[in-house]
Amino acid sequence: MSATNSHHRIGQDVDSVDQLSSVVILGLAIAGGIAAVVLDLLLIG
């Protein structure tokens, strides 16, 4: 089955891939925020 076949592309389009990467980026942002708060408490607090 070729990559241009419509059945092959179902569930593997740009939207689903972008949603996955958005979740990963959101997780990194949250982890970074938590790390910043922890470092702030350790260094300043």
C-alpha atoms as a PDB file:
ATOM      1  CA  MET A   1       0.000   0.000   0.000  1.00  0.00           C
ATOM      2  CA  SER A   2       1.457   3.329  -1.020  1.00  0.00           C
ATOM      3  CA  ALA A   3       1.693   6.368   1.218  1.00  0.00           C
ATOM      4  CA  THR A   4      -0.701   8.282  -1.027  1.00  0.00           C
ATOM      5  CA  ASN A   5      -3.455   5.713  -0.503  1.00  0.00           C
ATOM      6  CA  SER A   6      -6.265   7.299   1.526  1.00  0.00           C
ATOM      7  CA  HIS A   7      -6.678   4.217   3.752  1.00  0.00           C
ATOM      8  CA  HIS A   8      -3.025   4.335   4.734  1.00  0.00           C
ATOM      9  CA  ARG A   9      -3.249   7.995   5.770  1.00  0.00           C
ATOM     10  CA  ILE A  10      -6.223   7.605   8.118  1.00  0.00           C
ATOM     11  CA  GLY A  11      -5.090   8.344  11.670  1.00  0.00           C
ATOM     12  CA  GLN A  12      -1.635   9.376  10.517  1.00  0.00           C
ATOM     13  CA  ASP A  13      -2.341  12.834   9.158  1.00  0.00           C
ATOM     14  CA  VAL A  14      -0.770  16.099  10.274  1.00  0.00           C
ATOM     15  CA  ASP A  15      -3.461  16.770  12.884  1.00  0.00           C
ATOM     16  CA  SER A  16      -2.840  13.623  14.918  1.00  0.00           C
ATOM     17  CA  VAL A  17       0.930  14.038  14.746  1.00  0.00           C
ATOM     18  CA  ASP A  18       0.636  17.703  15.711  1.00  0.00           C
ATOM     19  CA  GLN A  19      -1.620  16.848  18.657  1.00  0.00           C
ATOM     20  CA  LEU A  20       0.927  14.367  19.954  1.00  0.00           C
ATOM     21  CA  SER A  21       3.765  16.867  19.720  1.00  0.00           C
ATOM     22  CA  SER A  22       1.583  19.519  21.343  1.00  0.00           C
ATOM     23  CA  VAL A  23       1.027  17.242  24.330  1.00  0.00           C
ATOM     24  CA  VAL A  24       4.764  16.615  24.584  1.00  0.00           C
ATOM     25  CA  ILE A  25       5.517  20.343  24.387  1.00  0.00           C
ATOM     26  CA  LEU A  26       2.844  21.049  27.001  1.00  0.00           C
ATOM     27  CA  GLY A  27       4.416  18.468  29.297  1.00  0.00           C
ATOM     28  CA  LEU A  28       7.855  20.000  28.834  1.00  0.00           C
ATOM     29  CA  ALA A  29       6.446  23.457  29.578  1.00  0.00           C
ATOM     30  CA  ILE A  30       4.779  22.241  32.773  1.00  0.00           C
ATOM     31  CA  ALA A  31       7.920  20.388  33.860  1.00  0.00           C
ATOM     32  CA  GLY A  32      10.000  23.482  33.135  1.00  0.00           C
ATOM     33  CA  GLY A  33       7.640  25.642  35.161  1.00  0.00           C
ATOM     34  CA  ILE A  34       7.787  23.256  38.104  1.00  0.00           C
ATOM     35  CA  ALA A  35      11.579  23.100  37.872  1.00  0.00           C
ATOM     36  CA  ALA A  36      11.762  26.909  37.853  1.00  0.00           C
ATOM     37  CA  VAL A  37       9.570  27.133  40.962  1.00  0.00           C
ATOM     38  CA  VAL A  38      11.598  24.463  42.781  1.00  0.00           C
ATOM     39  CA  LEU A  39      14.887  26.158  41.909  1.00  0.00           C
ATOM     40  CA  ASP A  40      13.446  29.500  42.986  1.00  0.00           C
ATOM     41  CA  LEU A  41      12.453  28.066  46.363  1.00  0.00           C
ATOM     42  CA  LEU A  42      15.835  26.401  46.819  1.00  0.00           C
ATOM     43  CA  LEU A  43      17.952  29.379  45.799  1.00  0.00           C
ATOM     44  CA  ILE A  44      15.871  32.299  47.086  1.00  0.00           C
ATOM     45  CA  GLY A  45      13.398  30.805  49.563  1.00  0.00           C
END
